[in-house]
Amino acid sequence: MNLWQIGECTMSTTKLHLILAINPLTEAAAKIGKVWSDGLANNAEKINDRRKDSIPDEVTYLSKIAEPSEQAFRSVLNPAFISRSGKDLNSINITQAYKSKNAWKKYKRNWNHQFETVDGVPAKRFKDSVKAAEDTFAEKISGSTLAFTGLKSLESGPIRIAVYWLTGDPKGRGLLRQADRIIVPSEPFNITKVEQRNSLRSLVNSRLIQSGMAIMHASLSKPVIDNMNTLDNSLIQGFIDPSLGLEAFTPGGASHLDFIKENGQLFLSVKVSQV
């Protein structure tokens, strides 16, 4: 695909152009949620055994849970705080310490209840609660950095895919997902010198995760997207091998690495053009 730059009257050739999906509700999220719940459910008895080994009695409970909890709680409230019932900080801390130190029986009862054998199924309540939380867990992690990195054992995320394509790694082509789009028939293309490939991968990966999370936290705000794209393209421009004659990486340019918003969804556009 040839692109005419009217202002300069030069012609450039697009070496690759991908649009990579960044969807908080990807198939990977559901898979990760299932792996998480299956892992806990299948190891329920081991989890309970380890819990018993770690907190076998009331003395251990006091030293490992109650007392650290009491100390942590002391730093939560402002020293001048007064409750609605008129309790000052010292009174509140005394009450909290009392409750923590006398919660051993409740602690043990709750754990035993969760891991009790019901209808012949060991730890049935624990397994049921984990299964019920599977979708919530999947949605939560899908809005975290995993929305950008993916999980290597299940599905690569858009950032990992982009970095592979920009460093000429043939594995990149096999990482593309159904929601991704190849705009121009392309193959992975190494934009940097061989000795800089690993540095590019590491730094660009880290930079894009920061940018992506900032954009998500800003509800896909255009000014934030524009600002992050400026920073990201500036970084990658510093890694370009000048002997390749590539178009400069700029937001929206003939070569770019841009977060873009389409129909309320976030995508990562990866484009490399050669003069």
C-alpha atoms as a PDB file:
ATOM      1  CA  MET A   1       0.000   0.000   0.000  1.00  0.00           C
ATOM      2  CA  ASN A   2       1.560   3.312  -1.119  1.00  0.00           C
ATOM      3  CA  LEU A   3       0.939   6.556   0.691  1.00  0.00           C
ATOM      4  CA  TRP A   4       1.581   9.932  -0.928  1.00  0.00           C
ATOM      5  CA  GLN A   5       2.776  12.678   1.369  1.00  0.00           C
ATOM      6  CA  ILE A   6       1.447  15.626  -0.577  1.00  0.00           C
ATOM      7  CA  GLY A   7       3.411  18.247   1.306  1.00  0.00           C
ATOM      8  CA  GLU A   8       6.773  16.579   0.595  1.00  0.00           C
ATOM      9  CA  CYS A   9       5.847  14.865  -2.676  1.00  0.00           C
ATOM     10  CA  THR A  10       7.482  11.671  -1.509  1.00  0.00           C
ATOM     11  CA  MET A  11       6.138   8.146  -1.555  1.00  0.00           C
ATOM     12  CA  SER A  12       6.364   5.710   1.337  1.00  0.00           C
ATOM     13  CA  THR A  13       5.562   2.030   1.535  1.00  0.00           C
ATOM     14  CA  THR A  14       3.658   0.613   4.468  1.00  0.00           C
ATOM     15  CA  LYS A  15       5.562  -2.405   5.779  1.00  0.00           C
ATOM     16  CA  LEU A  16       2.963  -3.326   8.389  1.00  0.00           C
ATOM     17  CA  HIS A  17      -0.253  -1.972   9.799  1.00  0.00           C
ATOM     18  CA  LEU A  18      -2.225  -3.749  12.522  1.00  0.00           C
ATOM     19  CA  ILE A  19      -5.133  -2.750  14.705  1.00  0.00           C
ATOM     20  CA  LEU A  20      -4.945  -4.729  17.960  1.00  0.00           C
ATOM     21  CA  ALA A  21      -7.984  -5.041  20.193  1.00  0.00           C
ATOM     22  CA  ILE A  22      -7.893  -3.933  23.822  1.00  0.00           C
ATOM     23  CA  ASN A  23     -11.216  -5.122  25.142  1.00  0.00           C
ATOM     24  CA  PRO A  24     -11.741  -5.465  28.925  1.00  0.00           C
ATOM     25  CA  LEU A  25     -14.065  -8.388  28.215  1.00  0.00           C
ATOM     26  CA  THR A  26     -11.807 -10.514  26.023  1.00  0.00           C
ATOM     27  CA  GLU A  27     -12.069 -14.280  25.758  1.00  0.00           C
ATOM     28  CA  ALA A  28      -8.798 -14.423  27.668  1.00  0.00           C
ATOM     29  CA  ALA A  29     -10.438 -12.858  30.713  1.00  0.00           C
ATOM     30  CA  ALA A  30     -13.050 -15.611  30.880  1.00  0.00           C
ATOM     31  CA  LYS A  31     -10.347 -18.245  30.463  1.00  0.00           C
ATOM     32  CA  ILE A  32      -8.219 -16.671  33.180  1.00  0.00           C
ATOM     33  CA  GLY A  33     -11.226 -16.554  35.499  1.00  0.00           C
ATOM     34  CA  LYS A  34     -11.848 -20.258  34.949  1.00  0.00           C
ATOM     35  CA  VAL A  35      -8.197 -21.137  35.499  1.00  0.00           C
ATOM     36  CA  TRP A  36      -8.276 -19.141  38.739  1.00  0.00           C
ATOM     37  CA  SER A  37     -11.449 -20.787  40.078  1.00  0.00           C
ATOM     38  CA  ASP A  38     -10.442 -24.293  38.968  1.00  0.00           C
ATOM     39  CA  GLY A  39      -7.032 -23.860  40.569  1.00  0.00           C
ATOM     40  CA  LEU A  40      -8.516 -22.877  43.919  1.00  0.00           C
ATOM     41  CA  ALA A  41     -11.259 -25.496  43.837  1.00  0.00           C
ATOM     42  CA  ASN A  42      -8.900 -28.317  42.875  1.00  0.00           C
ATOM     43  CA  ASN A  43      -6.517 -27.359  45.667  1.00  0.00           C
ATOM     44  CA  ALA A  44      -9.128 -26.578  48.310  1.00  0.00           C
ATOM     45  CA  GLU A  45      -8.030 -29.290  50.721  1.00  0.00           C
ATOM     46  CA  LYS A  46      -4.354 -28.344  50.348  1.00  0.00           C
ATOM     47  CA  ILE A  47      -5.257 -24.694  51.004  1.00  0.00           C
ATOM     48  CA  ASN A  48      -7.074 -25.665  54.177  1.00  0.00           C
ATOM     49  CA  ASP A  49      -4.219 -27.927  55.316  1.00  0.00           C
ATOM     50  CA  ARG A  50      -1.721 -25.124  54.800  1.00  0.00           C
ATOM     51  CA  ARG A  51      -3.977 -22.745  56.692  1.00  0.00           C
ATOM     52  CA  LYS A  52      -4.109 -25.176  59.611  1.00  0.00           C
ATOM     53  CA  ASP A  53      -0.319 -25.569  59.539  1.00  0.00           C
ATOM     54  CA  SER A  54       0.154 -21.810  59.465  1.00  0.00           C
ATOM     55  CA  ILE A  55      -2.434 -20.973  62.163  1.00  0.00           C
ATOM     56  CA  PRO A  56      -2.729 -24.159  64.257  1.00  0.00           C
ATOM     57  CA  ASP A  57      -3.840 -22.624  67.558  1.00  0.00           C
ATOM     58  CA  GLU A  58      -4.965 -19.500  69.357  1.00  0.00           C
ATOM     59  CA  VAL A  59      -1.456 -18.433  70.365  1.00  0.00           C
ATOM     60  CA  THR A  60      -0.344 -18.431  66.720  1.00  0.00           C
ATOM     61  CA  TYR A  61      -3.536 -16.640  65.700  1.00  0.00           C
ATOM     62  CA  LEU A  62      -2.790 -13.866  68.185  1.00  0.00           C
ATOM     63  CA  SER A  63       0.812 -13.402  67.023  1.00  0.00           C
ATOM     64  CA  LYS A  64       0.202 -13.684  63.277  1.00  0.00           C
ATOM     65  CA  ILE A  65      -3.218 -12.083  62.839  1.00  0.00           C
ATOM     66  CA  ALA A  66      -4.710 -10.357  65.872  1.00  0.00           C
ATOM     67  CA  GLU A  67      -1.699  -8.374  67.049  1.00  0.00           C
ATOM     68  CA  PRO A  68      -0.512  -7.219  63.563  1.00  0.00           C
ATOM     69  CA  SER A  69      -4.115  -6.237  62.826  1.00  0.00           C
ATOM     70  CA  GLU A  70      -4.290  -4.245  66.043  1.00  0.00           C
ATOM     71  CA  GLN A  71      -1.060  -2.388  65.222  1.00  0.00           C
ATOM     72  CA  ALA A  72      -2.180  -1.630  61.661  1.00  0.00           C
ATOM     73  CA  PHE A  73      -5.547  -0.330  62.842  1.00  0.00           C
ATOM     74  CA  ARG A  74      -3.876   2.143  65.208  1.00  0.00           C
ATOM     75  CA  SER A  75      -2.465   4.126  62.255  1.00  0.00           C
ATOM     76  CA  VAL A  76      -5.761   4.336  60.341  1.00  0.00           C
ATOM     77  CA  LEU A  77      -7.613   7.044  62.240  1.00  0.00           C
ATOM     78  CA  ASN A  78      -6.663  10.647  62.881  1.00  0.00           C
ATOM     79  CA  PRO A  79      -5.487  11.081  66.527  1.00  0.00           C
ATOM     80  CA  ALA A  80      -8.173  13.750  67.004  1.00  0.00           C
ATOM     81  CA  PHE A  81     -10.976  11.535  65.701  1.00  0.00           C
ATOM     82  CA  ILE A  82     -14.141  11.250  67.817  1.00  0.00           C
ATOM     83  CA  SER A  83     -16.850   8.729  66.872  1.00  0.00           C
ATOM     84  CA  ARG A  84     -20.566   9.541  66.740  1.00  0.00           C
ATOM     85  CA  SER A  85     -20.979   7.712  70.042  1.00  0.00           C
ATOM     86  CA  GLY A  86     -18.325   9.937  71.625  1.00  0.00           C
ATOM     87  CA  LYS A  87     -15.416   7.464  71.692  1.00  0.00           C
ATOM     88  CA  ASP A  88     -11.941   8.913  71.280  1.00  0.00           C
ATOM     89  CA  LEU A  89      -9.101   7.173  69.452  1.00  0.00           C
ATOM     90  CA  ASN A  90      -7.784   5.393  72.529  1.00  0.00           C
ATOM     91  CA  SER A  91     -11.199   3.908  73.337  1.00  0.00           C
ATOM     92  CA  ILE A  92     -11.685   2.803  69.750  1.00  0.00           C
ATOM     93  CA  ASN A  93      -8.256   1.132  69.638  1.00  0.00           C
ATOM     94  CA  ILE A  94      -8.966  -0.720  72.900  1.00  0.00           C
ATOM     95  CA  THR A  95     -12.283  -2.003  71.517  1.00  0.00           C
ATOM     96  CA  GLN A  96     -10.680  -3.060  68.231  1.00  0.00           C
ATOM     97  CA  ALA A  97      -7.866  -4.870  70.051  1.00  0.00           C
ATOM     98  CA  TYR A  98     -10.381  -6.688  72.255  1.00  0.00           C
ATOM     99  CA  LYS A  99     -12.398  -7.834  69.246  1.00  0.00           C
ATOM    100  CA  SER A 100      -9.309  -9.019  67.377  1.00  0.00           C
ATOM    101  CA  LYS A 101      -7.920 -10.952  70.297  1.00  0.00           C
ATOM    102  CA  ASN A 102     -11.229 -12.629  71.038  1.00  0.00           C
ATOM    103  CA  ALA A 103     -12.068 -13.595  67.461  1.00  0.00           C
ATOM    104  CA  TRP A 104     -10.150 -16.892  67.424  1.00  0.00           C
ATOM    105  CA  LYS A 105     -13.243 -19.064  67.869  1.00  0.00           C
ATOM    106  CA  LYS A 106     -15.117 -17.173  65.172  1.00  0.00           C
ATOM    107  CA  TYR A 107     -12.112 -17.383  62.859  1.00  0.00           C
ATOM    108  CA  LYS A 108     -11.830 -21.149  63.328  1.00  0.00           C
ATOM    109  CA  ARG A 109     -15.595 -21.667  63.021  1.00  0.00           C
ATOM    110  CA  ASN A 110     -15.800 -19.740  59.748  1.00  0.00           C
ATOM    111  CA  TRP A 111     -12.928 -21.640  58.169  1.00  0.00           C
ATOM    112  CA  ASN A 112     -14.300 -25.000  59.282  1.00  0.00           C
ATOM    113  CA  HIS A 113     -17.685 -24.049  57.862  1.00  0.00           C
ATOM    114  CA  GLN A 114     -16.205 -23.170  54.471  1.00  0.00           C
ATOM    115  CA  PHE A 115     -14.185 -26.373  54.214  1.00  0.00           C
ATOM    116  CA  GLU A 116     -16.745 -28.733  55.704  1.00  0.00           C
ATOM    117  CA  THR A 117     -17.708 -31.784  53.645  1.00  0.00           C
ATOM    118  CA  VAL A 118     -21.282 -31.314  52.427  1.00  0.00           C
ATOM    119  CA  ASP A 119     -23.230 -33.937  50.458  1.00  0.00           C
ATOM    120  CA  GLY A 120     -20.036 -35.953  50.208  1.00  0.00           C
ATOM    121  CA  VAL A 121     -18.101 -33.068  48.630  1.00  0.00           C
ATOM    122  CA  PRO A 122     -15.071 -31.837  50.620  1.00  0.00           C
ATOM    123  CA  ALA A 123     -14.886 -28.030  50.982  1.00  0.00           C
ATOM    124  CA  LYS A 124     -18.154 -27.696  49.052  1.00  0.00           C
ATOM    125  CA  ARG A 125     -19.007 -24.209  50.317  1.00  0.00           C
ATOM    126  CA  PHE A 126     -15.514 -22.925  49.502  1.00  0.00           C
ATOM    127  CA  LYS A 127     -15.656 -24.404  45.994  1.00  0.00           C
ATOM    128  CA  ASP A 128     -19.136 -22.997  45.394  1.00  0.00           C
ATOM    129  CA  SER A 129     -18.099 -19.518  46.523  1.00  0.00           C
ATOM    130  CA  VAL A 130     -15.038 -19.565  44.279  1.00  0.00           C
ATOM    131  CA  LYS A 131     -17.109 -20.665  41.301  1.00  0.00           C
ATOM    132  CA  ALA A 132     -19.664 -17.933  41.997  1.00  0.00           C
ATOM    133  CA  ALA A 133     -16.874 -15.336  42.011  1.00  0.00           C
ATOM    134  CA  GLU A 134     -15.357 -16.508  38.722  1.00  0.00           C
ATOM    135  CA  ASP A 135     -17.035 -13.922  36.477  1.00  0.00           C
ATOM    136  CA  THR A 136     -16.375 -11.079  38.918  1.00  0.00           C
ATOM    137  CA  PHE A 137     -12.705 -12.056  39.108  1.00  0.00           C
ATOM    138  CA  ALA A 138     -12.473 -12.243  35.307  1.00  0.00           C
ATOM    139  CA  GLU A 139     -13.979  -8.783  34.890  1.00  0.00           C
ATOM    140  CA  LYS A 140     -11.672  -7.336  37.532  1.00  0.00           C
ATOM    141  CA  ILE A 141      -8.456  -8.708  36.072  1.00  0.00           C
ATOM    142  CA  SER A 142      -9.512  -7.851  32.527  1.00  0.00           C
ATOM    143  CA  GLY A 143      -9.468  -4.187  33.542  1.00  0.00           C
ATOM    144  CA  SER A 144      -5.964  -4.529  34.972  1.00  0.00           C
ATOM    145  CA  THR A 145      -2.630  -4.740  33.169  1.00  0.00           C
ATOM    146  CA  LEU A 146      -3.696  -8.146  31.814  1.00  0.00           C
ATOM    147  CA  ALA A 147      -5.971  -6.290  29.394  1.00  0.00           C
ATOM    148  CA  PHE A 148      -2.733  -5.146  27.725  1.00  0.00           C
ATOM    149  CA  THR A 149      -0.278  -7.980  28.407  1.00  0.00           C
ATOM    150  CA  GLY A 150      -2.596 -10.984  28.307  1.00  0.00           C
ATOM    151  CA  LEU A 151      -1.509 -14.226  29.915  1.00  0.00           C
ATOM    152  CA  LYS A 152       1.223 -16.086  28.060  1.00  0.00           C
ATOM    153  CA  SER A 153      -0.243 -19.541  28.701  1.00  0.00           C
ATOM    154  CA  LEU A 154      -3.662 -18.547  27.310  1.00  0.00           C
ATOM    155  CA  GLU A 155      -3.631 -15.495  25.069  1.00  0.00           C
ATOM    156  CA  SER A 156      -1.097 -12.755  24.397  1.00  0.00           C
ATOM    157  CA  GLY A 157      -2.230  -9.198  24.890  1.00  0.00           C
ATOM    158  CA  PRO A 158      -1.962  -6.366  22.346  1.00  0.00           C
ATOM    159  CA  ILE A 159       1.246  -4.936  23.790  1.00  0.00           C
ATOM    160  CA  ARG A 160       3.142  -8.211  23.582  1.00  0.00           C
ATOM    161  CA  ILE A 161       1.874  -8.729  20.040  1.00  0.00           C
ATOM    162  CA  ALA A 162       2.898  -5.200  19.013  1.00  0.00           C
ATOM    163  CA  VAL A 163       6.405  -5.574  20.442  1.00  0.00           C
ATOM    164  CA  TYR A 164       6.920  -8.890  18.620  1.00  0.00           C
ATOM    165  CA  TRP A 165       5.810  -7.377  15.314  1.00  0.00           C
ATOM    166  CA  LEU A 166       8.039  -4.321  15.736  1.00  0.00           C
ATOM    167  CA  THR A 167      11.110  -6.453  16.410  1.00  0.00           C
ATOM    168  CA  GLY A 168      10.643  -8.807  13.478  1.00  0.00           C
ATOM    169  CA  ASP A 169       9.804 -11.874  15.533  1.00  0.00           C
ATOM    170  CA  PRO A 170       7.940 -14.404  13.334  1.00  0.00           C
ATOM    171  CA  LYS A 171       6.103 -15.686  16.431  1.00  0.00           C
ATOM    172  CA  GLY A 172       4.162 -12.432  16.395  1.00  0.00           C
ATOM    173  CA  ARG A 173       1.984 -13.521  13.495  1.00  0.00           C
ATOM    174  CA  GLY A 174       0.739 -16.573  15.368  1.00  0.00           C
ATOM    175  CA  LEU A 175      -0.261 -14.434  18.365  1.00  0.00           C
ATOM    176  CA  LEU A 176      -2.938 -12.445  16.517  1.00  0.00           C
ATOM    177  CA  ARG A 177      -6.457 -12.931  17.848  1.00  0.00           C
ATOM    178  CA  GLN A 178      -9.838 -12.993  16.168  1.00  0.00           C
ATOM    179  CA  ALA A 179     -10.608  -9.402  17.162  1.00  0.00           C
ATOM    180  CA  ASP A 180      -7.342  -8.077  15.706  1.00  0.00           C
ATOM    181  CA  ARG A 181      -7.187  -6.636  12.177  1.00  0.00           C
ATOM    182  CA  ILE A 182      -4.405  -6.666   9.589  1.00  0.00           C
ATOM    183  CA  ILE A 183      -4.973  -3.467   7.633  1.00  0.00           C
ATOM    184  CA  VAL A 184      -2.147  -4.073   5.144  1.00  0.00           C
ATOM    185  CA  PRO A 185      -0.781  -7.547   4.240  1.00  0.00           C
ATOM    186  CA  SER A 186       2.161  -7.642   6.617  1.00  0.00           C
ATOM    187  CA  GLU A 187       4.893  -9.639   8.253  1.00  0.00           C
ATOM    188  CA  PRO A 188       6.734  -8.774  11.487  1.00  0.00           C
ATOM    189  CA  PHE A 189       9.338  -6.116  10.718  1.00  0.00           C
ATOM    190  CA  ASN A 190      12.336  -5.259  12.870  1.00  0.00           C
ATOM    191  CA  ILE A 191      12.597  -1.470  13.217  1.00  0.00           C
ATOM    192  CA  THR A 192      15.701  -1.453  15.405  1.00  0.00           C
ATOM    193  CA  LYS A 193      19.260  -2.687  15.438  1.00  0.00           C
ATOM    194  CA  VAL A 194      19.746  -6.304  16.482  1.00  0.00           C
ATOM    195  CA  GLU A 195      21.601  -5.323  19.647  1.00  0.00           C
ATOM    196  CA  GLN A 196      18.729  -3.059  20.704  1.00  0.00           C
ATOM    197  CA  ARG A 197      15.847  -5.502  20.238  1.00  0.00           C
ATOM    198  CA  ASN A 198      15.687  -6.653  23.849  1.00  0.00           C
ATOM    199  CA  SER A 199      15.911  -3.100  25.186  1.00  0.00           C
ATOM    200  CA  LEU A 200      13.134  -1.977  22.863  1.00  0.00           C
ATOM    201  CA  ARG A 201      10.925  -4.863  23.935  1.00  0.00           C
ATOM    202  CA  SER A 202      11.426  -4.186  27.632  1.00  0.00           C
ATOM    203  CA  LEU A 203      11.084  -0.405  27.603  1.00  0.00           C
ATOM    204  CA  VAL A 204       8.232  -0.180  25.093  1.00  0.00           C
ATOM    205  CA  ASN A 205       6.332  -2.932  26.904  1.00  0.00           C
ATOM    206  CA  SER A 206       6.630  -1.057  30.215  1.00  0.00           C
ATOM    207  CA  ARG A 207       5.806   2.316  28.632  1.00  0.00           C
ATOM    208  CA  LEU A 208       2.701   1.028  26.846  1.00  0.00           C
ATOM    209  CA  ILE A 209       1.342  -0.635  29.994  1.00  0.00           C
ATOM    210  CA  GLN A 210       1.647   2.678  31.852  1.00  0.00           C
ATOM    211  CA  SER A 211       0.011   4.543  28.980  1.00  0.00           C
ATOM    212  CA  GLY A 212      -2.790   2.032  28.583  1.00  0.00           C
ATOM    213  CA  MET A 213      -3.673   2.044  32.267  1.00  0.00           C
ATOM    214  CA  ALA A 214      -3.616   5.851  32.357  1.00  0.00           C
ATOM    215  CA  ILE A 215      -6.013   5.939  29.400  1.00  0.00           C
ATOM    216  CA  MET A 216      -8.365   3.390  30.975  1.00  0.00           C
ATOM    217  CA  HIS A 217      -8.358   5.242  34.298  1.00  0.00           C
ATOM    218  CA  ALA A 218      -9.228   8.418  32.398  1.00  0.00           C
ATOM    219  CA  SER A 219     -12.226   6.688  30.745  1.00  0.00           C
ATOM    220  CA  LEU A 220     -10.564   6.835  27.302  1.00  0.00           C
ATOM    221  CA  SER A 221     -10.259  10.631  27.427  1.00  0.00           C
ATOM    222  CA  LYS A 222      -8.984  11.990  24.093  1.00  0.00           C
ATOM    223  CA  PRO A 223      -6.526  14.488  25.657  1.00  0.00           C
ATOM    224  CA  VAL A 224      -5.006  11.644  27.700  1.00  0.00           C
ATOM    225  CA  ILE A 225      -4.841   9.369  24.643  1.00  0.00           C
ATOM    226  CA  ASP A 226      -3.118  12.145  22.667  1.00  0.00           C
ATOM    227  CA  ASN A 227      -0.639  12.809  25.463  1.00  0.00           C
ATOM    228  CA  MET A 228       0.219   9.126  25.901  1.00  0.00           C
ATOM    229  CA  ASN A 229       0.630   8.637  22.145  1.00  0.00           C
ATOM    230  CA  THR A 230       3.081  11.537  22.023  1.00  0.00           C
ATOM    231  CA  LEU A 231       5.181   9.993  24.796  1.00  0.00           C
ATOM    232  CA  ASP A 232       5.051   6.486  23.326  1.00  0.00           C
ATOM    233  CA  ASN A 233       6.008   7.499  19.792  1.00  0.00           C
ATOM    234  CA  SER A 234       8.832   9.661  21.104  1.00  0.00           C
ATOM    235  CA  LEU A 235      10.236   6.674  22.981  1.00  0.00           C
ATOM    236  CA  ILE A 236      10.072   4.272  20.060  1.00  0.00           C
ATOM    237  CA  GLN A 237      11.560   6.849  17.687  1.00  0.00           C
ATOM    238  CA  GLY A 238      14.761   6.653  19.707  1.00  0.00           C
ATOM    239  CA  PHE A 239      15.133   2.969  18.850  1.00  0.00           C
ATOM    240  CA  ILE A 240      14.749   3.197  15.063  1.00  0.00           C
ATOM    241  CA  ASP A 241      17.619   1.893  12.966  1.00  0.00           C
ATOM    242  CA  PRO A 242      18.400   4.926  10.753  1.00  0.00           C
ATOM    243  CA  SER A 243      19.695   2.704   7.954  1.00  0.00           C
ATOM    244  CA  LEU A 244      16.141   1.416   7.326  1.00  0.00           C
ATOM    245  CA  GLY A 245      14.864   4.764   6.079  1.00  0.00           C
ATOM    246  CA  LEU A 246      11.644   4.584   8.087  1.00  0.00           C
ATOM    247  CA  GLU A 247       9.122   7.352   8.397  1.00  0.00           C
ATOM    248  CA  ALA A 248       9.399   8.996  11.814  1.00  0.00           C
ATOM    249  CA  PHE A 249       7.121   7.619  14.520  1.00  0.00           C
ATOM    250  CA  THR A 250       4.581  10.321  15.279  1.00  0.00           C
ATOM    251  CA  PRO A 251       0.969  10.164  16.538  1.00  0.00           C
ATOM    252  CA  GLY A 252      -1.234   9.512  13.504  1.00  0.00           C
ATOM    253  CA  GLY A 253       1.820   9.481  11.221  1.00  0.00           C
ATOM    254  CA  ALA A 254       2.878   7.128   8.437  1.00  0.00           C
ATOM    255  CA  SER A 255       4.732   5.256  11.177  1.00  0.00           C
ATOM    256  CA  HIS A 256       3.075   5.226  14.587  1.00  0.00           C
ATOM    257  CA  LEU A 257       2.274   3.255  17.707  1.00  0.00           C
ATOM    258  CA  ASP A 258      -1.022   4.773  18.794  1.00  0.00           C
ATOM    259  CA  PHE A 259      -3.835   4.025  21.168  1.00  0.00           C
ATOM    260  CA  ILE A 260      -7.021   4.800  19.270  1.00  0.00           C
ATOM    261  CA  LYS A 261     -10.677   4.882  20.232  1.00  0.00           C
ATOM    262  CA  GLU A 262     -13.266   3.346  17.904  1.00  0.00           C
ATOM    263  CA  ASN A 263     -16.943   3.009  18.790  1.00  0.00           C
ATOM    264  CA  GLY A 264     -16.182   3.432  22.480  1.00  0.00           C
ATOM    265  CA  GLN A 265     -13.499   0.723  22.490  1.00  0.00           C
ATOM    266  CA  LEU A 266      -9.731   1.089  22.838  1.00  0.00           C
ATOM    267  CA  PHE A 267      -7.315  -0.334  20.250  1.00  0.00           C
ATOM    268  CA  LEU A 268      -3.587  -0.225  19.591  1.00  0.00           C
ATOM    269  CA  SER A 269      -2.646   0.811  16.068  1.00  0.00           C
ATOM    270  CA  VAL A 270       0.797  -0.338  14.911  1.00  0.00           C
ATOM    271  CA  LYS A 271       2.044   1.073  11.621  1.00  0.00           C
ATOM    272  CA  VAL A 272       5.495   1.092  10.041  1.00  0.00           C
ATOM    273  CA  SER A 273       6.233   2.841   6.751  1.00  0.00           C
ATOM    274  CA  GLN A 274       9.451   3.075   4.796  1.00  0.00           C
ATOM    275  CA  VAL A 275      10.395   6.002   2.561  1.00  0.00           C
END
